[in-house]
Amino acid sequence: MFHTTRVLGQDLHFSQFNENPSLINPALTGANGLRASLNYKKQWQKVTTPFKTYGASFEMRSGATKKKKEEDNFGSKTKEAPKAFFAGGLAVYRDKAGDGMLGLTQTNLSVAGFVPTGEKSYFSVGLQASYVQRRIETGGLIFPNQYAEGGYDANINSGEEFQNQNFGYVDVGAGALWTYRNEERGLKDHLEKIIHIGGSIYHLTQPQQKFLLKDNDKLAFKIVAHGDVLFSIPNTRTAIVPSMLFQKQGSAIEIIAGGLFKYYMKNDTKYTGYVKRNALCGGVYYRSFDAVIIYGLLEWQEQFALGLSYDLTVSKLSQASKLRGGVELTLRYTPPNAYLYQK
């Protein structure tokens, strides 16, 4: 869990952080082209009322290349050259936590601008505006004042002065990103090297969290740093995908690091695109002082992906949870890459 001492609950939180770009860095919007995904997470079922999180996102961008005519000894030909472009995305998340059904509904609208820094690299900046609705149901909560000599009595006044059980606010985040992408297709190999390195800051407006009458708590800034690399191993059908995430909010720090081993069950065709690759991925991540994340991913026809992960709790909470943390599921769609003779 990702807490600060002043936040009533957790920020939206997924173990498959690379599958939720709007929660990591607005500058990631459109970095990998058109993308649509659905996410679901359920955690802490063996400890308390399960925390459940749902998400849906969509992002797209303008064309990132343009045709350029060149002359050589064999006549004229066209070549793709990088150009600046913009991207936009929309994400909606819903979260419910604990006996008080502490609820959060968040809608993120993100925009990003990309400027080429070379033939295969871009620098981007992004901005995100969010509207957040928070809700709590106090009927399921138990307070110390409700205990008498005979034990707990629900009829005793809790003494808590709830001002709002439902309130909303506007939030803002911003970030920057460097992206490198190199792809080489041959008759036997399809080699790739993709790098993302970025940082962001969330809760720039520091909105107040005001369930209680005397609450004056502001949501602390959240600082994020992240990076991931995909590189193919030559003369094989495999790739390695290490990645990391660092988050700091208030006095709390979270670090997730690990990687995937990717095996391509077949290579795609260089010219027509009639045959598209399928890939099977598996790996392990570690969330600092909290959990080991077992992660599997199936990518089908370079378009559809199904990701499944499970958190094994290794913190002190494991005594109560028996290592059981949470299951997470992701469904993703991305259009396939263009081919040499593809219209």
Protein backbone atom coordinates (compact mmCIF):
# COMPACT_ATOMS: atom_id res chain seq x y z
CA MET A 1 0.00 0.00 0.00
CA PHE A 2 1.14 3.57 -0.70
CA HIS A 3 0.32 5.90 2.21
CA THR A 4 1.31 9.20 3.72
CA THR A 5 0.47 10.29 7.21
CA ARG A 6 -1.97 12.90 5.90
CA VAL A 7 -3.90 11.01 3.22
CA LEU A 8 -7.22 9.33 3.93
CA GLY A 9 -6.57 6.14 1.98
CA GLN A 10 -4.26 5.25 -0.89
CA ASP A 11 -3.64 6.77 -4.28
CA LEU A 12 -4.84 4.64 -7.16
CA HIS A 13 -2.43 1.77 -7.15
CA PHE A 14 -1.61 -1.02 -9.61
CA SER A 15 1.24 -3.54 -9.53
CA GLN A 16 1.29 -3.59 -13.34
CA PHE A 17 2.36 0.06 -13.36
CA ASN A 18 3.52 0.03 -16.99
CA GLU A 19 -0.05 -0.80 -18.03
CA ASN A 20 -1.42 2.39 -16.40
CA PRO A 21 0.57 5.26 -17.93
CA SER A 22 -1.79 8.05 -16.80
CA LEU A 23 -1.04 7.14 -13.16
CA ILE A 24 2.74 7.33 -13.71
CA ASN A 25 3.46 10.21 -16.08
CA PRO A 26 1.20 12.35 -18.32
CA ALA A 27 4.11 12.59 -20.78
CA LEU A 28 3.65 8.85 -21.51
CA THR A 29 0.33 9.65 -23.21
CA GLY A 30 0.59 8.38 -26.78
CA ALA A 31 4.24 7.34 -26.39
CA ASN A 32 3.39 3.92 -27.83
CA GLY A 33 0.68 5.04 -30.25
CA LEU A 34 -3.00 4.21 -30.03
CA ARG A 35 -3.79 2.18 -26.94
CA ALA A 36 -6.92 1.01 -25.09
CA SER A 37 -6.97 -1.02 -21.87
CA LEU A 38 -9.08 -2.34 -19.00
CA ASN A 39 -7.67 -3.00 -15.51
CA TYR A 40 -8.91 -4.74 -12.37
CA LYS A 41 -7.26 -5.29 -8.99
CA LYS A 42 -8.50 -6.99 -5.82
CA GLN A 43 -6.34 -7.02 -2.69
CA TRP A 44 -6.30 -7.78 1.04
CA GLN A 45 -9.21 -10.25 0.88
CA LYS A 46 -7.74 -12.37 3.70
CA VAL A 47 -7.13 -9.37 5.98
CA THR A 48 -10.15 -7.08 5.72
CA THR A 49 -12.96 -6.13 3.37
CA PRO A 50 -11.24 -6.42 -0.05
CA PHE A 51 -9.92 -3.32 -1.78
CA LYS A 52 -11.15 -3.28 -5.37
CA THR A 53 -9.91 -1.03 -8.18
CA TYR A 54 -11.23 -0.79 -11.74
CA GLY A 55 -9.81 1.19 -14.63
CA ALA A 56 -10.38 1.95 -18.32
CA SER A 57 -8.16 4.11 -20.53
CA PHE A 58 -7.76 5.20 -24.14
CA GLU A 59 -5.03 7.26 -25.79
CA MET A 60 -4.05 8.17 -29.33
CA ARG A 61 -1.70 10.51 -31.18
CA SER A 62 -1.19 12.28 -34.49
CA GLY A 63 1.23 10.81 -37.03
CA ALA A 64 4.79 10.70 -35.69
CA THR A 65 6.56 10.46 -39.06
CA LYS A 66 6.35 12.11 -42.45
CA LYS A 67 7.48 11.07 -45.92
CA LYS A 68 10.63 12.72 -47.22
CA LYS A 69 11.85 12.43 -50.81
CA GLU A 70 15.54 11.69 -51.28
CA GLU A 71 17.78 11.38 -54.36
CA ASP A 72 20.59 8.84 -54.72
CA ASN A 73 22.47 6.97 -57.48
CA PHE A 74 19.44 4.77 -58.08
CA GLY A 75 16.96 7.61 -58.49
CA SER A 76 14.42 9.01 -56.06
CA LYS A 77 12.96 7.23 -53.02
CA THR A 78 10.90 8.12 -49.99
CA LYS A 79 12.04 7.87 -46.41
CA GLU A 80 10.18 8.37 -43.16
CA ALA A 81 11.50 11.18 -40.97
CA PRO A 82 10.39 11.98 -37.41
CA LYS A 83 8.34 15.08 -36.69
CA ALA A 84 6.77 16.76 -33.69
CA PHE A 85 3.31 15.53 -32.71
CA PHE A 86 0.66 15.70 -30.01
CA ALA A 87 -1.26 13.02 -28.14
CA GLY A 88 -4.31 12.88 -25.90
CA GLY A 89 -5.78 10.36 -23.51
CA LEU A 90 -8.76 9.71 -21.23
CA ALA A 91 -8.73 7.37 -18.23
CA VAL A 92 -11.42 6.58 -15.66
CA TYR A 93 -10.75 4.72 -12.40
CA ARG A 94 -12.94 3.51 -9.57
CA ASP A 95 -11.66 2.36 -6.18
CA LYS A 96 -13.40 0.99 -3.03
CA ALA A 97 -11.52 0.21 0.15
CA GLY A 98 -12.23 -1.30 3.56
CA ASP A 99 -15.23 -1.56 5.86
CA GLY A 100 -16.09 2.11 5.32
CA MET A 101 -16.26 1.51 1.56
CA LEU A 102 -13.90 4.46 1.11
CA GLY A 103 -14.56 5.21 -2.53
CA LEU A 104 -12.72 7.17 -5.18
CA THR A 105 -13.80 7.89 -8.74
CA GLN A 106 -11.16 9.65 -10.82
CA THR A 107 -11.27 10.89 -14.40
CA ASN A 108 -7.94 11.85 -15.98
CA LEU A 109 -7.65 13.94 -19.14
CA SER A 110 -4.05 13.97 -20.38
CA VAL A 111 -2.27 15.74 -23.23
CA ALA A 112 1.36 15.44 -24.33
CA GLY A 113 3.62 17.04 -26.91
CA PHE A 114 6.55 15.16 -28.52
CA VAL A 115 9.61 16.75 -30.13
CA PRO A 116 12.19 14.60 -31.97
CA THR A 117 15.71 14.66 -30.50
CA GLY A 118 17.10 12.40 -33.23
CA GLU A 119 15.93 9.99 -35.93
CA LYS A 120 14.85 7.46 -33.29
CA SER A 121 14.24 9.46 -30.13
CA TYR A 122 11.75 11.96 -28.71
CA PHE A 123 11.42 14.27 -25.73
CA SER A 124 7.89 14.86 -24.47
CA VAL A 125 6.11 16.88 -21.81
CA GLY A 126 2.62 16.13 -20.55
CA LEU A 127 -0.11 17.73 -18.48
CA GLN A 128 -3.00 16.02 -16.74
CA ALA A 129 -6.21 17.47 -15.31
CA SER A 130 -8.30 15.24 -13.08
CA TYR A 131 -11.67 15.40 -11.39
CA VAL A 132 -11.88 13.23 -8.28
CA GLN A 133 -14.98 12.25 -6.33
CA ARG A 134 -14.49 10.74 -2.84
CA ARG A 135 -17.08 8.97 -0.71
CA ILE A 136 -17.24 7.11 2.58
CA GLU A 137 -20.01 5.06 4.24
CA THR A 138 -19.65 5.47 8.01
CA GLY A 139 -22.28 2.87 8.89
CA GLY A 140 -19.74 0.06 8.58
CA LEU A 141 -17.13 1.73 10.80
CA ILE A 142 -16.50 1.12 14.52
CA PHE A 143 -15.13 3.88 16.80
CA PRO A 144 -13.54 3.71 20.30
CA ASN A 145 -16.31 5.82 21.85
CA GLN A 146 -18.84 3.10 20.99
CA TYR A 147 -17.34 0.65 23.49
CA ALA A 148 -18.94 0.49 26.96
CA GLU A 149 -18.57 -1.91 29.90
CA GLY A 150 -20.68 -4.48 28.11
CA GLY A 151 -18.63 -4.24 24.92
CA TYR A 152 -19.40 -2.62 21.58
CA ASP A 153 -22.72 -0.80 21.27
CA ALA A 154 -23.64 0.56 17.82
CA ASN A 155 -26.25 2.85 19.39
CA ILE A 156 -23.61 4.92 21.19
CA ASN A 157 -22.70 8.15 19.41
CA SER A 158 -19.26 7.82 17.81
CA GLY A 159 -18.33 11.40 18.64
CA GLU A 160 -16.96 11.90 15.11
CA GLU A 161 -18.11 15.05 13.32
CA PHE A 162 -18.37 14.10 9.66
CA GLN A 163 -18.77 17.21 7.55
CA ASN A 164 -18.95 15.45 4.21
CA GLN A 165 -19.41 11.84 3.24
CA ASN A 166 -19.14 12.77 -0.43
CA PHE A 167 -17.01 15.54 -1.95
CA GLY A 168 -15.10 16.28 -5.15
CA TYR A 169 -12.08 18.29 -6.25
CA VAL A 170 -9.90 19.14 -9.24
CA ASP A 171 -6.30 17.92 -9.37
CA VAL A 172 -3.36 18.57 -11.71
CA GLY A 173 -0.20 16.67 -12.62
CA ALA A 174 2.70 17.19 -15.05
CA GLY A 175 5.68 15.22 -16.33
CA ALA A 176 8.51 14.83 -18.84
CA LEU A 177 9.77 11.81 -20.78
CA TRP A 178 12.59 10.71 -23.11
CA THR A 179 11.78 7.89 -25.54
CA TYR A 180 14.11 5.92 -27.81
CA ARG A 181 12.83 3.37 -30.33
CA ASN A 182 14.90 1.34 -32.80
CA GLU A 183 13.41 -1.50 -34.83
CA GLU A 184 15.09 -3.76 -37.37
CA ARG A 185 13.14 -6.36 -39.33
CA GLY A 186 14.75 -9.18 -41.26
CA LEU A 187 13.77 -12.53 -42.70
CA LYS A 188 14.72 -14.30 -39.45
CA ASP A 189 14.94 -11.61 -36.80
CA HIS A 190 12.75 -8.77 -35.60
CA LEU A 191 15.05 -6.79 -33.32
CA GLU A 192 13.82 -3.99 -31.08
CA LYS A 193 15.23 -1.60 -28.54
CA ILE A 194 12.73 0.65 -26.75
CA ILE A 195 13.62 2.92 -23.82
CA HIS A 196 11.44 5.18 -21.66
CA ILE A 197 12.94 7.38 -18.92
CA GLY A 198 10.77 9.97 -17.21
CA GLY A 199 9.60 11.80 -14.14
CA SER A 200 6.40 13.50 -13.00
CA ILE A 201 4.70 15.26 -10.11
CA TYR A 202 1.07 14.86 -9.07
CA HIS A 203 -1.33 16.77 -6.77
CA LEU A 204 0.02 20.17 -7.82
CA THR A 205 -3.17 21.78 -6.50
CA GLN A 206 -2.81 20.00 -3.13
CA PRO A 207 -6.59 19.53 -2.75
CA GLN A 208 -8.04 19.33 0.75
CA GLN A 209 -9.38 16.03 2.09
CA LYS A 210 -12.36 17.07 4.17
CA PHE A 211 -14.49 14.20 5.45
CA LEU A 212 -14.35 15.47 9.05
CA LEU A 213 -15.60 18.88 10.22
CA LYS A 214 -12.17 20.04 11.46
CA ASP A 215 -10.17 18.48 8.63
CA ASN A 216 -7.58 20.72 7.03
CA ASP A 217 -5.46 17.99 5.44
CA LYS A 218 -3.99 18.70 2.02
CA LEU A 219 -3.01 15.94 -0.37
CA ALA A 220 0.78 15.91 -0.43
CA PHE A 221 2.74 16.19 -3.68
CA LYS A 222 3.58 12.83 -5.24
CA ILE A 223 6.91 12.67 -7.05
CA VAL A 224 7.44 9.84 -9.56
CA ALA A 225 10.52 8.60 -11.43
CA HIS A 226 10.34 5.63 -13.80
CA GLY A 227 12.19 3.80 -16.53
CA ASP A 228 11.86 0.71 -18.70
CA VAL A 229 13.87 -0.93 -21.46
CA LEU A 230 12.97 -3.59 -24.03
CA PHE A 231 15.88 -5.09 -25.95
CA SER A 232 15.87 -8.14 -28.19
CA ILE A 233 18.59 -10.77 -27.97
CA PRO A 234 20.11 -11.27 -31.47
CA ASN A 235 19.67 -14.64 -33.21
CA THR A 236 16.96 -15.68 -30.76
CA ARG A 237 13.23 -15.19 -30.35
CA THR A 238 13.66 -13.61 -26.93
CA ALA A 239 13.83 -10.18 -25.30
CA ILE A 240 14.50 -8.79 -21.82
CA VAL A 241 12.26 -6.08 -20.34
CA PRO A 242 13.57 -4.56 -17.06
CA SER A 243 11.68 -1.66 -15.48
CA MET A 244 11.43 0.32 -12.25
CA LEU A 245 9.15 2.79 -10.49
CA PHE A 246 9.98 5.21 -7.67
CA GLN A 247 7.24 7.15 -5.86
CA LYS A 248 7.48 9.55 -2.93
CA GLN A 249 4.48 11.18 -1.27
CA GLY A 250 4.92 12.95 2.03
CA SER A 251 7.12 10.72 4.20
CA ALA A 252 6.26 7.53 2.30
CA ILE A 253 8.50 6.02 -0.36
CA GLU A 254 7.70 3.13 -2.69
CA ILE A 255 10.09 1.39 -5.09
CA ILE A 256 9.11 -1.35 -7.53
CA ALA A 257 11.83 -3.01 -9.61
CA GLY A 258 12.06 -6.17 -11.69
CA GLY A 259 11.64 -7.40 -15.21
CA LEU A 260 10.09 -9.73 -17.75
CA PHE A 261 11.55 -12.39 -20.01
CA LYS A 262 9.77 -12.25 -23.39
CA TYR A 263 9.60 -15.19 -25.80
CA TYR A 264 8.24 -14.72 -29.33
CA MET A 265 6.41 -17.87 -30.35
CA LYS A 266 6.82 -16.90 -34.01
CA ASN A 267 8.33 -14.03 -35.98
CA ASP A 268 6.32 -11.69 -38.15
CA THR A 269 6.74 -11.22 -41.89
CA LYS A 270 8.88 -8.31 -43.03
CA TYR A 271 6.94 -7.20 -46.10
CA THR A 272 3.23 -7.94 -45.94
CA GLY A 273 2.37 -8.21 -42.25
CA TYR A 274 0.16 -11.21 -42.95
CA VAL A 275 1.95 -13.13 -40.19
CA LYS A 276 2.12 -11.29 -36.87
CA ARG A 277 4.07 -12.19 -33.77
CA ASN A 278 2.73 -13.79 -30.63
CA ALA A 279 4.70 -13.40 -27.40
CA LEU A 280 4.64 -14.99 -23.96
CA CYS A 281 6.16 -13.07 -21.06
CA GLY A 282 6.92 -13.96 -17.47
CA GLY A 283 8.77 -12.22 -14.67
CA VAL A 284 9.08 -11.06 -11.09
CA TYR A 285 8.99 -7.62 -9.46
CA TYR A 286 9.68 -6.55 -5.90
CA ARG A 287 7.81 -3.76 -4.11
CA SER A 288 10.03 -2.43 -1.35
CA PHE A 289 9.26 -3.83 2.11
CA ASP A 290 5.84 -5.02 0.94
CA ALA A 291 5.42 -7.69 -1.74
CA VAL A 292 6.87 -9.93 -4.43
CA ILE A 293 4.86 -9.60 -7.66
CA ILE A 294 4.56 -12.61 -9.97
CA TYR A 295 3.64 -11.41 -13.46
CA GLY A 296 2.63 -13.16 -16.68
CA LEU A 297 1.64 -11.58 -20.01
CA LEU A 298 0.35 -13.00 -23.30
CA GLU A 299 0.52 -10.81 -26.43
CA TRP A 300 -1.47 -12.03 -29.43
CA GLN A 301 -1.04 -10.95 -33.05
CA GLU A 302 0.77 -7.77 -31.94
CA GLN A 303 -2.63 -6.33 -31.04
CA PHE A 304 -4.16 -7.94 -27.97
CA ALA A 305 -2.59 -8.53 -24.58
CA LEU A 306 -3.73 -10.29 -21.40
CA GLY A 307 -1.73 -9.62 -18.24
CA LEU A 308 -2.15 -11.42 -14.91
CA SER A 309 -0.19 -10.74 -11.73
CA TYR A 310 -0.34 -11.68 -8.07
CA ASP A 311 1.14 -9.91 -5.05
CA LEU A 312 2.74 -12.17 -2.44
CA THR A 313 2.86 -10.14 0.78
CA VAL A 314 6.26 -10.35 2.48
CA SER A 315 5.85 -7.48 4.96
CA LYS A 316 4.79 -7.91 8.62
CA LEU A 317 1.23 -8.07 7.33
CA SER A 318 2.05 -11.53 5.93
CA GLN A 319 1.39 -12.99 9.40
CA ALA A 320 -2.26 -12.11 8.94
CA SER A 321 -2.52 -12.42 5.15
CA LYS A 322 -0.61 -15.74 4.89
CA LEU A 323 1.37 -14.20 1.98
CA ARG A 324 -1.85 -13.45 0.11
CA GLY A 325 -1.91 -9.94 -1.29
CA GLY A 326 -3.91 -9.28 -4.43
CA VAL A 327 -4.69 -10.41 -7.95
CA GLU A 328 -4.56 -8.01 -10.90
CA LEU A 329 -5.83 -8.39 -14.47
CA THR A 330 -5.17 -6.26 -17.57
CA LEU A 331 -6.66 -6.38 -21.08
CA ARG A 332 -4.97 -4.21 -23.71
CA TYR A 333 -5.38 -3.42 -27.41
CA THR A 334 -2.80 -1.73 -29.64
CA PRO A 335 -2.85 -1.73 -33.46
CA PRO A 336 0.01 -3.66 -35.13
CA ASN A 337 3.06 -1.91 -36.54
CA ALA A 338 3.08 -0.92 -40.21
CA TYR A 339 4.89 -3.13 -42.71
CA LEU A 340 6.92 -2.33 -45.79
CA TYR A 341 4.13 -3.01 -48.31
CA GLN A 342 1.20 -2.45 -45.97
CA LYS A 343 -1.28 0.19 -47.18
